[in-house]
Amino acid sequence: MGCNSSKGAQETTKTGGKAAAGRTMCGSHLKSPEELVSWPQFPEGNKSLCAKYLTKEIWDMYHDKKDKHGVSFKQCVFSGCQNVDSGIGVYAGSEDSYTAFS
């Protein structure tokens, strides 16, 4: 399955893992922030801070927002969603990202 459709991004990874209904499975198969079509699901046992703090409530509040420089919330969390072995996984895209997504 390709990851260009939201269904593909939500249901499978390269290794065949399944995301829970309504969630996007995290992993190296993700190629752009736009593929985060729903609340990201990290692999079992993931210890990144992104996985720990990216709750459904946070996702729902910010997933479609951009800071005043046009940096999207999805861009800020994408690295952690793609690279699930990252310790942090969240990066501010501009100085305003710190306040816009606090």
PDB file of N, CA and C in Angstrom:
ATOM      1  N   MET A   1       0.828  -1.188   0.000  1.00  0.00           N
ATOM      2  CA  MET A   1       0.000   0.000   0.000  1.00  0.00           C
ATOM      3  C   MET A   1       0.862   1.238   0.000  1.00  0.00           C
ATOM      4  N   GLY A   2       0.490   2.234  -0.752  1.00  0.00           N
ATOM      5  CA  GLY A   2       1.208   3.492  -0.756  1.00  0.00           C
ATOM      6  C   GLY A   2       0.788   4.360   0.405  1.00  0.00           C
ATOM      7  N   CYS A   3       1.617   5.327   0.703  1.00  0.00           N
ATOM      8  CA  CYS A   3       1.300   6.224   1.806  1.00  0.00           C
ATOM      9  C   CYS A   3       0.702   7.530   1.316  1.00  0.00           C
ATOM     10  N   ASN A   4       0.396   7.619   0.028  1.00  0.00           N
ATOM     11  CA  ASN A   4      -0.184   8.841  -0.488  1.00  0.00           C
ATOM     12  C   ASN A   4      -1.640   8.993  -0.093  1.00  0.00           C
ATOM     13  N   SER A   5      -2.284   7.905   0.226  1.00  0.00           N
ATOM     14  CA  SER A   5      -3.674   8.004   0.678  1.00  0.00           C
ATOM     15  C   SER A   5      -3.701   8.000   2.188  1.00  0.00           C
ATOM     16  N   SER A   6      -4.704   8.641   2.742  1.00  0.00           N
ATOM     17  CA  SER A   6      -4.786   8.665   4.200  1.00  0.00           C
ATOM     18  C   SER A   6      -5.012   7.272   4.753  1.00  0.00           C
ATOM     19  N   LYS A   7      -5.712   6.423   4.017  1.00  0.00           N
ATOM     20  CA  LYS A   7      -5.948   5.055   4.471  1.00  0.00           C
ATOM     21  C   LYS A   7      -4.629   4.307   4.602  1.00  0.00           C
ATOM     22  N   GLY A   8      -3.746   4.433   3.611  1.00  0.00           N
ATOM     23  CA  GLY A   8      -2.455   3.748   3.659  1.00  0.00           C
ATOM     24  C   GLY A   8      -1.617   4.216   4.824  1.00  0.00           C
ATOM     25  N   ALA A   9      -1.595   5.526   5.064  1.00  0.00           N
ATOM     26  CA  ALA A   9      -0.801   6.061   6.161  1.00  0.00           C
ATOM     27  C   ALA A   9      -1.376   5.631   7.502  1.00  0.00           C
ATOM     28  N   GLN A  10      -2.676   5.479   7.580  1.00  0.00           N
ATOM     29  CA  GLN A  10      -3.296   5.132   8.844  1.00  0.00           C
ATOM     30  C   GLN A  10      -3.180   3.654   9.167  1.00  0.00           C
ATOM     31  N   GLU A  11      -3.203   2.791   8.180  1.00  0.00           N
ATOM     32  CA  GLU A  11      -3.339   1.376   8.457  1.00  0.00           C
ATOM     33  C   GLU A  11      -2.052   0.576   8.512  1.00  0.00           C
ATOM     34  N   THR A  12      -1.050   0.912   7.705  1.00  0.00           N
ATOM     35  CA  THR A  12       0.110   0.036   7.668  1.00  0.00           C
ATOM     36  C   THR A  12       1.426   0.800   7.708  1.00  0.00           C
ATOM     37  N   THR A  13       2.470   0.074   8.039  1.00  0.00           N
ATOM     38  CA  THR A  13       3.824   0.580   7.946  1.00  0.00           C
ATOM     39  C   THR A  13       4.563  -0.359   7.015  1.00  0.00           C
ATOM     40  N   LYS A  14       5.827  -0.061   6.728  1.00  0.00           N
ATOM     41  CA  LYS A  14       6.626  -0.944   5.887  1.00  0.00           C
ATOM     42  C   LYS A  14       6.719  -2.349   6.480  1.00  0.00           C
ATOM     43  N   THR A  15       6.679  -2.428   7.781  1.00  0.00           N
ATOM     44  CA  THR A  15       6.803  -3.729   8.429  1.00  0.00           C
ATOM     45  C   THR A  15       5.454  -4.399   8.635  1.00  0.00           C
ATOM     46  N   GLY A  16       4.389  -3.753   8.176  1.00  0.00           N
ATOM     47  CA  GLY A  16       3.075  -4.366   8.272  1.00  0.00           C
ATOM     48  C   GLY A  16       2.342  -4.084   9.561  1.00  0.00           C
ATOM     49  N   GLY A  17       2.910  -3.243  10.435  1.00  0.00           N
ATOM     50  CA  GLY A  17       2.232  -2.915  11.689  1.00  0.00           C
ATOM     51  C   GLY A  17       0.940  -2.165  11.433  1.00  0.00           C
ATOM     52  N   LYS A  18       0.014  -2.323  12.319  1.00  0.00           N
ATOM     53  CA  LYS A  18      -1.291  -1.668  12.165  1.00  0.00           C
ATOM     54  C   LYS A  18      -1.465  -0.576  13.207  1.00  0.00           C
ATOM     55  N   ALA A  19      -2.032   0.524  12.747  1.00  0.00           N
ATOM     56  CA  ALA A  19      -2.399   1.596  13.664  1.00  0.00           C
ATOM     57  C   ALA A  19      -3.828   1.352  14.122  1.00  0.00           C
ATOM     58  N   ALA A  20      -4.146   1.847  15.294  1.00  0.00           N
ATOM     59  CA  ALA A  20      -5.519   1.768  15.779  1.00  0.00           C
ATOM     60  C   ALA A  20      -6.405   2.581  14.848  1.00  0.00           C
ATOM     61  N   ALA A  21      -7.659   2.257  14.795  1.00  0.00           N
ATOM     62  CA  ALA A  21      -8.600   2.962  13.924  1.00  0.00           C
ATOM     63  C   ALA A  21      -8.523   4.462  14.169  1.00  0.00           C
ATOM     64  N   GLY A  22      -8.452   5.205  13.078  1.00  0.00           N
ATOM     65  CA  GLY A  22      -8.425   6.655  13.188  1.00  0.00           C
ATOM     66  C   GLY A  22      -7.084   7.247  13.555  1.00  0.00           C
ATOM     67  N   ARG A  23      -6.005   6.473  13.474  1.00  0.00           N
ATOM     68  CA  ARG A  23      -4.671   6.956  13.833  1.00  0.00           C
ATOM     69  C   ARG A  23      -3.700   6.724  12.685  1.00  0.00           C
ATOM     70  N   THR A  24      -2.674   7.563  12.618  1.00  0.00           N
ATOM     71  CA  THR A  24      -1.614   7.412  11.627  1.00  0.00           C
ATOM     72  C   THR A  24      -0.424   6.739  12.285  1.00  0.00           C
ATOM     73  N   MET A  25       0.006   5.611  11.761  1.00  0.00           N
ATOM     74  CA  MET A  25       1.154   4.891  12.306  1.00  0.00           C
ATOM     75  C   MET A  25       2.433   5.658  12.007  1.00  0.00           C
ATOM     76  N   CYS A  26       3.242   5.875  13.012  1.00  0.00           N
ATOM     77  CA  CYS A  26       4.516   6.564  12.859  1.00  0.00           C
ATOM     78  C   CYS A  26       5.573   5.601  12.332  1.00  0.00           C
ATOM     79  N   GLY A  27       6.559   6.144  11.652  1.00  0.00           N
ATOM     80  CA  GLY A  27       7.674   5.347  11.174  1.00  0.00           C
ATOM     81  C   GLY A  27       8.322   5.956   9.945  1.00  0.00           C
ATOM     82  N   SER A  28       9.367   5.301   9.487  1.00  0.00           N
ATOM     83  CA  SER A  28      10.169   5.818   8.376  1.00  0.00           C
ATOM     84  C   SER A  28       9.419   5.837   7.042  1.00  0.00           C
ATOM     85  N   HIS A  29       8.275   5.167   6.978  1.00  0.00           N
ATOM     86  CA  HIS A  29       7.480   5.195   5.749  1.00  0.00           C
ATOM     87  C   HIS A  29       6.865   6.568   5.494  1.00  0.00           C
ATOM     88  N   LEU A  30       6.736   7.388   6.520  1.00  0.00           N
ATOM     89  CA  LEU A  30       6.191   8.733   6.353  1.00  0.00           C
ATOM     90  C   LEU A  30       7.193   9.594   5.592  1.00  0.00           C
ATOM     91  N   LYS A  31       6.733  10.300   4.577  1.00  0.00           N
ATOM     92  CA  LYS A  31       7.628  11.104   3.745  1.00  0.00           C
ATOM     93  C   LYS A  31       7.381  12.605   3.848  1.00  0.00           C
ATOM     94  N   SER A  32       6.234  13.029   4.387  1.00  0.00           N
ATOM     95  CA  SER A  32       5.966  14.456   4.531  1.00  0.00           C
ATOM     96  C   SER A  32       4.979  14.680   5.670  1.00  0.00           C
ATOM     97  N   PRO A  33       4.988  15.885   6.238  1.00  0.00           N
ATOM     98  CA  PRO A  33       4.058  16.187   7.327  1.00  0.00           C
ATOM     99  C   PRO A  33       2.596  16.019   6.921  1.00  0.00           C
ATOM    100  N   GLU A  34       2.290  16.195   5.655  1.00  0.00           N
ATOM    101  CA  GLU A  34       0.915  16.053   5.188  1.00  0.00           C
ATOM    102  C   GLU A  34       0.392  14.629   5.342  1.00  0.00           C
ATOM    103  N   GLU A  35       1.272  13.666   5.498  1.00  0.00           N
ATOM    104  CA  GLU A  35       0.848  12.277   5.702  1.00  0.00           C
ATOM    105  C   GLU A  35       0.360  12.031   7.135  1.00  0.00           C
ATOM    106  N   LEU A  36       0.541  12.992   8.001  1.00  0.00           N
ATOM    107  CA  LEU A  36      -0.003  12.885   9.358  1.00  0.00           C
ATOM    108  C   LEU A  36      -1.464  13.321   9.285  1.00  0.00           C
ATOM    109  N   VAL A  37      -2.309  12.420   8.828  1.00  0.00           N
ATOM    110  CA  VAL A  37      -3.715  12.749   8.582  1.00  0.00           C
ATOM    111  C   VAL A  37      -4.586  12.560   9.824  1.00  0.00           C
ATOM    112  N   SER A  38      -4.039  11.932  10.833  1.00  0.00           N
ATOM    113  CA  SER A  38      -4.769  11.727  12.076  1.00  0.00           C
ATOM    114  C   SER A  38      -3.755  11.605  13.210  1.00  0.00           C
ATOM    115  N   TRP A  39      -4.256  11.564  14.426  1.00  0.00           N
ATOM    116  CA  TRP A  39      -3.397  11.516  15.608  1.00  0.00           C
ATOM    117  C   TRP A  39      -2.357  10.400  15.471  1.00  0.00           C
ATOM    118  N   PRO A  40      -1.069  10.746  15.510  1.00  0.00           N
ATOM    119  CA  PRO A  40      -0.015   9.753  15.316  1.00  0.00           C
ATOM    120  C   PRO A  40       0.010   8.675  16.402  1.00  0.00           C
ATOM    121  N   GLN A  41       0.262   7.457  15.954  1.00  0.00           N
ATOM    122  CA  GLN A  41       0.428   6.333  16.872  1.00  0.00           C
ATOM    123  C   GLN A  41       1.869   5.862  16.783  1.00  0.00           C
ATOM    124  N   PHE A  42       2.549   5.894  17.913  1.00  0.00           N
ATOM    125  CA  PHE A  42       3.941   5.470  17.981  1.00  0.00           C
ATOM    126  C   PHE A  42       4.001   3.982  18.280  1.00  0.00           C
ATOM    127  N   PRO A  43       5.100   3.331  17.882  1.00  0.00           N
ATOM    128  CA  PRO A  43       5.244   1.903  18.190  1.00  0.00           C
ATOM    129  C   PRO A  43       5.205   1.653  19.696  1.00  0.00           C
ATOM    130  N   GLU A  44       4.734   0.498  20.059  1.00  0.00           N
ATOM    131  CA  GLU A  44       4.676   0.067  21.464  1.00  0.00           C
ATOM    132  C   GLU A  44       6.046   0.242  22.116  1.00  0.00           C
ATOM    133  N   GLY A  45       6.067   0.817  23.298  1.00  0.00           N
ATOM    134  CA  GLY A  45       7.308   0.965  24.051  1.00  0.00           C
ATOM    135  C   GLY A  45       8.158   2.153  23.647  1.00  0.00           C
ATOM    136  N   ASN A  46       7.669   2.988  22.740  1.00  0.00           N
ATOM    137  CA  ASN A  46       8.442   4.148  22.303  1.00  0.00           C
ATOM    138  C   ASN A  46       8.660   5.083  23.483  1.00  0.00           C
ATOM    139  N   LYS A  47       9.890   5.594  23.622  1.00  0.00           N
ATOM    140  CA  LYS A  47      10.239   6.412  24.775  1.00  0.00           C
ATOM    141  C   LYS A  47      10.518   7.874  24.423  1.00  0.00           C
ATOM    142  N   SER A  48      10.206   8.289  23.199  1.00  0.00           N
ATOM    143  CA  SER A  48      10.492   9.677  22.829  1.00  0.00           C
ATOM    144  C   SER A  48       9.561  10.630  23.572  1.00  0.00           C
ATOM    145  N   LEU A  49      10.035  11.846  23.746  1.00  0.00           N
ATOM    146  CA  LEU A  49       9.208  12.859  24.390  1.00  0.00           C
ATOM    147  C   LEU A  49       8.019  13.230  23.506  1.00  0.00           C
ATOM    148  N   CYS A  50       8.200  13.147  22.200  1.00  0.00           N
ATOM    149  CA  CYS A  50       7.090  13.407  21.280  1.00  0.00           C
ATOM    150  C   CYS A  50       5.968  12.402  21.535  1.00  0.00           C
ATOM    151  N   ALA A  51       6.306  11.136  21.629  1.00  0.00           N
ATOM    152  CA  ALA A  51       5.306  10.093  21.887  1.00  0.00           C
ATOM    153  C   ALA A  51       4.644  10.289  23.247  1.00  0.00           C
ATOM    154  N   LYS A  52       5.418  10.711  24.224  1.00  0.00           N
ATOM    155  CA  LYS A  52       4.900  10.872  25.580  1.00  0.00           C
ATOM    156  C   LYS A  52       3.911  12.036  25.697  1.00  0.00           C
ATOM    157  N   TYR A  53       4.224  13.144  25.040  1.00  0.00           N
ATOM    158  CA  TYR A  53       3.437  14.359  25.247  1.00  0.00           C
ATOM    159  C   TYR A  53       2.468  14.715  24.120  1.00  0.00           C
ATOM    160  N   LEU A  54       2.525  14.026  22.997  1.00  0.00           N
ATOM    161  CA  LEU A  54       1.599  14.329  21.899  1.00  0.00           C
ATOM    162  C   LEU A  54       0.291  13.568  22.135  1.00  0.00           C
ATOM    163  N   THR A  55      -0.487  14.101  23.053  1.00  0.00           N
ATOM    164  CA  THR A  55      -1.762  13.487  23.417  1.00  0.00           C
ATOM    165  C   THR A  55      -2.817  13.800  22.358  1.00  0.00           C
ATOM    166  N   LYS A  56      -3.914  13.110  22.430  1.00  0.00           N
ATOM    167  CA  LYS A  56      -5.039  13.361  21.514  1.00  0.00           C
ATOM    168  C   LYS A  56      -5.515  14.801  21.674  1.00  0.00           C
ATOM    169  N   GLU A  57      -5.573  15.289  22.881  1.00  0.00           N
ATOM    170  CA  GLU A  57      -6.026  16.661  23.133  1.00  0.00           C
ATOM    171  C   GLU A  57      -5.091  17.685  22.488  1.00  0.00           C
ATOM    172  N   ILE A  58      -3.783  17.479  22.622  1.00  0.00           N
ATOM    173  CA  ILE A  58      -2.803  18.372  21.994  1.00  0.00           C
ATOM    174  C   ILE A  58      -2.945  18.299  20.473  1.00  0.00           C
ATOM    175  N   TRP A  59      -3.027  17.083  19.931  1.00  0.00           N
ATOM    176  CA  TRP A  59      -3.192  16.902  18.489  1.00  0.00           C
ATOM    177  C   TRP A  59      -4.430  17.637  17.989  1.00  0.00           C
ATOM    178  N   ASP A  60      -5.553  17.430  18.658  1.00  0.00           N
ATOM    179  CA  ASP A  60      -6.805  18.057  18.230  1.00  0.00           C
ATOM    180  C   ASP A  60      -6.722  19.582  18.276  1.00  0.00           C
ATOM    181  N   MET A  61      -5.986  20.115  19.235  1.00  0.00           N
ATOM    182  CA  MET A  61      -5.876  21.553  19.389  1.00  0.00           C
ATOM    183  C   MET A  61      -5.011  22.193  18.297  1.00  0.00           C
ATOM    184  N   TYR A  62      -3.945  21.516  17.871  1.00  0.00           N
ATOM    185  CA  TYR A  62      -2.941  22.149  17.013  1.00  0.00           C
ATOM    186  C   TYR A  62      -2.749  21.547  15.621  1.00  0.00           C
ATOM    187  N   HIS A  63      -3.272  20.378  15.317  1.00  0.00           N
ATOM    188  CA  HIS A  63      -2.893  19.680  14.082  1.00  0.00           C
ATOM    189  C   HIS A  63      -3.104  20.484  12.798  1.00  0.00           C
ATOM    190  N   ASP A  64      -4.033  21.401  12.790  1.00  0.00           N
ATOM    191  CA  ASP A  64      -4.276  22.174  11.570  1.00  0.00           C
ATOM    192  C   ASP A  64      -3.840  23.638  11.705  1.00  0.00           C
ATOM    193  N   LYS A  65      -2.995  23.932  12.682  1.00  0.00           N
ATOM    194  CA  LYS A  65      -2.550  25.306  12.949  1.00  0.00           C
ATOM    195  C   LYS A  65      -1.150  25.564  12.402  1.00  0.00           C
ATOM    196  N   LYS A  66      -0.897  26.856  12.123  1.00  0.00           N
ATOM    197  CA  LYS A  66       0.428  27.324  11.711  1.00  0.00           C
ATOM    198  C   LYS A  66       0.795  28.512  12.581  1.00  0.00           C
ATOM    199  N   ASP A  67       2.107  28.704  12.775  1.00  0.00           N
ATOM    200  CA  ASP A  67       2.532  29.888  13.509  1.00  0.00           C
ATOM    201  C   ASP A  67       2.517  31.088  12.563  1.00  0.00           C
ATOM    202  N   LYS A  68       2.874  32.270  13.052  1.00  0.00           N
ATOM    203  CA  LYS A  68       2.763  33.472  12.220  1.00  0.00           C
ATOM    204  C   LYS A  68       3.761  33.507  11.065  1.00  0.00           C
ATOM    205  N   HIS A  69       4.709  32.572  11.045  1.00  0.00           N
ATOM    206  CA  HIS A  69       5.671  32.480   9.943  1.00  0.00           C
ATOM    207  C   HIS A  69       5.293  31.369   8.960  1.00  0.00           C
ATOM    208  N   GLY A  70       4.141  30.747   9.182  1.00  0.00           N
ATOM    209  CA  GLY A  70       3.662  29.710   8.265  1.00  0.00           C
ATOM    210  C   GLY A  70       4.150  28.310   8.581  1.00  0.00           C
ATOM    211  N   VAL A  71       4.818  28.121   9.698  1.00  0.00           N
ATOM    212  CA  VAL A  71       5.293  26.796  10.104  1.00  0.00           C
ATOM    213  C   VAL A  71       4.131  26.055  10.758  1.00  0.00           C
ATOM    214  N   SER A  72       3.833  24.874  10.246  1.00  0.00           N
ATOM    215  CA  SER A  72       2.704  24.119  10.785  1.00  0.00           C
ATOM    216  C   SER A  72       3.124  23.269  11.986  1.00  0.00           C
ATOM    217  N   PHE A  73       2.146  22.966  12.821  1.00  0.00           N
ATOM    218  CA  PHE A  73       2.370  22.065  13.946  1.00  0.00           C
ATOM    219  C   PHE A  73       2.865  20.712  13.447  1.00  0.00           C
ATOM    220  N   LYS A  74       2.289  20.245  12.346  1.00  0.00           N
ATOM    221  CA  LYS A  74       2.705  18.954  11.781  1.00  0.00           C
ATOM    222  C   LYS A  74       4.180  18.974  11.391  1.00  0.00           C
ATOM    223  N   GLN A  75       4.663  20.115  10.882  1.00  0.00           N
ATOM    224  CA  GLN A  75       6.088  20.216  10.555  1.00  0.00           C
ATOM    225  C   GLN A  75       6.933  20.081  11.814  1.00  0.00           C
ATOM    226  N   CYS A  76       6.456  20.641  12.913  1.00  0.00           N
ATOM    227  CA  CYS A  76       7.222  20.608  14.167  1.00  0.00           C
ATOM    228  C   CYS A  76       7.332  19.193  14.746  1.00  0.00           C
ATOM    229  N   VAL A  77       6.290  18.377  14.586  1.00  0.00           N
ATOM    230  CA  VAL A  77       6.307  17.032  15.164  1.00  0.00           C
ATOM    231  C   VAL A  77       6.705  15.951  14.160  1.00  0.00           C
ATOM    232  N   PHE A  78       6.822  16.315  12.883  1.00  0.00           N
ATOM    233  CA  PHE A  78       7.058  15.314  11.847  1.00  0.00           C
ATOM    234  C   PHE A  78       8.326  14.497  12.069  1.00  0.00           C
ATOM    235  N   SER A  79       9.419  15.137  12.421  1.00  0.00           N
ATOM    236  CA  SER A  79      10.674  14.400  12.597  1.00  0.00           C
ATOM    237  C   SER A  79      10.533  13.290  13.628  1.00  0.00           C
ATOM    238  N   GLY A  80       9.863  13.586  14.727  1.00  0.00           N
ATOM    239  CA  GLY A  80       9.651  12.572  15.764  1.00  0.00           C
ATOM    240  C   GLY A  80       8.711  11.467  15.325  1.00  0.00           C
ATOM    241  N   CYS A  81       7.760  11.801  14.463  1.00  0.00           N
ATOM    242  CA  CYS A  81       6.821  10.786  13.956  1.00  0.00           C
ATOM    243  C   CYS A  81       7.477   9.898  12.911  1.00  0.00           C
ATOM    244  N   GLN A  82       8.377  10.455  12.132  1.00  0.00           N
ATOM    245  CA  GLN A  82       9.082   9.691  11.099  1.00  0.00           C
ATOM    246  C   GLN A  82      10.236   8.888  11.707  1.00  0.00           C
ATOM    247  N   ASN A  83      10.963   9.492  12.613  1.00  0.00           N
ATOM    248  CA  ASN A  83      12.143   8.867  13.239  1.00  0.00           C
ATOM    249  C   ASN A  83      11.786   8.488  14.662  1.00  0.00           C
ATOM    250  N   VAL A  84      11.141   7.348  14.810  1.00  0.00           N
ATOM    251  CA  VAL A  84      10.577   6.963  16.103  1.00  0.00           C
ATOM    252  C   VAL A  84      11.635   6.658  17.165  1.00  0.00           C
ATOM    253  N   ASP A  85      12.896   6.567  16.766  1.00  0.00           N
ATOM    254  CA  ASP A  85      13.969   6.337  17.736  1.00  0.00           C
ATOM    255  C   ASP A  85      14.567   7.653  18.245  1.00  0.00           C
ATOM    256  N   SER A  86      14.003   8.788  17.809  1.00  0.00           N
ATOM    257  CA  SER A  86      14.460  10.098  18.251  1.00  0.00           C
ATOM    258  C   SER A  86      14.096  10.307  19.710  1.00  0.00           C
ATOM    259  N   GLY A  87      14.997  10.868  20.476  1.00  0.00           N
ATOM    260  CA  GLY A  87      14.726  11.100  21.892  1.00  0.00           C
ATOM    261  C   GLY A  87      13.771  12.250  22.148  1.00  0.00           C
ATOM    262  N   ILE A  88      13.854  13.275  21.334  1.00  0.00           N
ATOM    263  CA  ILE A  88      12.993  14.452  21.498  1.00  0.00           C
ATOM    264  C   ILE A  88      11.863  14.382  20.480  1.00  0.00           C
ATOM    265  N   GLY A  89      12.173  14.636  19.213  1.00  0.00           N
ATOM    266  CA  GLY A  89      11.201  14.477  18.140  1.00  0.00           C
ATOM    267  C   GLY A  89      10.345  15.676  17.829  1.00  0.00           C
ATOM    268  N   VAL A  90      10.513  16.780  18.536  1.00  0.00           N
ATOM    269  CA  VAL A  90       9.742  17.982  18.256  1.00  0.00           C
ATOM    270  C   VAL A  90      10.729  19.130  18.090  1.00  0.00           C
ATOM    271  N   TYR A  91      10.581  19.869  16.994  1.00  0.00           N
ATOM    272  CA  TYR A  91      11.501  20.953  16.696  1.00  0.00           C
ATOM    273  C   TYR A  91      10.723  22.181  16.275  1.00  0.00           C
ATOM    274  N   ALA A  92      11.032  23.324  16.880  1.00  0.00           N
ATOM    275  CA  ALA A  92      10.380  24.571  16.512  1.00  0.00           C
ATOM    276  C   ALA A  92      10.859  24.987  15.126  1.00  0.00           C
ATOM    277  N   GLY A  93       9.927  25.384  14.287  1.00  0.00           N
ATOM    278  CA  GLY A  93      10.274  25.805  12.935  1.00  0.00           C
ATOM    279  C   GLY A  93      10.614  27.280  12.856  1.00  0.00           C
ATOM    280  N   SER A  94      10.196  28.036  13.843  1.00  0.00           N
ATOM    281  CA  SER A  94      10.512  29.463  13.942  1.00  0.00           C
ATOM    282  C   SER A  94      10.437  29.848  15.418  1.00  0.00           C
ATOM    283  N   GLU A  95      10.874  31.036  15.711  1.00  0.00           N
ATOM    284  CA  GLU A  95      10.805  31.497  17.094  1.00  0.00           C
ATOM    285  C   GLU A  95       9.363  31.536  17.573  1.00  0.00           C
ATOM    286  N   ASP A  96       8.446  31.857  16.687  1.00  0.00           N
ATOM    287  CA  ASP A  96       7.027  31.933  17.065  1.00  0.00           C
ATOM    288  C   ASP A  96       6.424  30.566  17.364  1.00  0.00           C
ATOM    289  N   SER A  97       7.025  29.491  16.863  1.00  0.00           N
ATOM    290  CA  SER A  97       6.521  28.149  17.135  1.00  0.00           C
ATOM    291  C   SER A  97       6.449  27.871  18.641  1.00  0.00           C
ATOM    292  N   TYR A  98       7.396  28.409  19.386  1.00  0.00           N
ATOM    293  CA  TYR A  98       7.424  28.174  20.830  1.00  0.00           C
ATOM    294  C   TYR A  98       6.179  28.702  21.517  1.00  0.00           C
ATOM    295  N   THR A  99       5.681  29.842  21.099  1.00  0.00           N
ATOM    296  CA  THR A  99       4.474  30.392  21.723  1.00  0.00           C
ATOM    297  C   THR A  99       3.203  29.902  21.047  1.00  0.00           C
ATOM    298  N   ALA A 100       3.230  29.754  19.728  1.00  0.00           N
ATOM    299  CA  ALA A 100       2.039  29.334  19.004  1.00  0.00           C
ATOM    300  C   ALA A 100       1.596  27.933  19.411  1.00  0.00           C
ATOM    301  N   PHE A 101       2.552  27.065  19.714  1.00  0.00           N
ATOM    302  CA  PHE A 101       2.235  25.672  20.045  1.00  0.00           C
ATOM    303  C   PHE A 101       2.603  25.318  21.483  1.00  0.00           C
ATOM    304  N   SER A 102       2.638  26.309  22.351  1.00  0.00           N
ATOM    305  CA  SER A 102       3.040  26.060  23.736  1.00  0.00           C
ATOM    306  C   SER A 102       2.052  25.145  24.435  1.00  0.00           C
TER     307      SER A 102
END
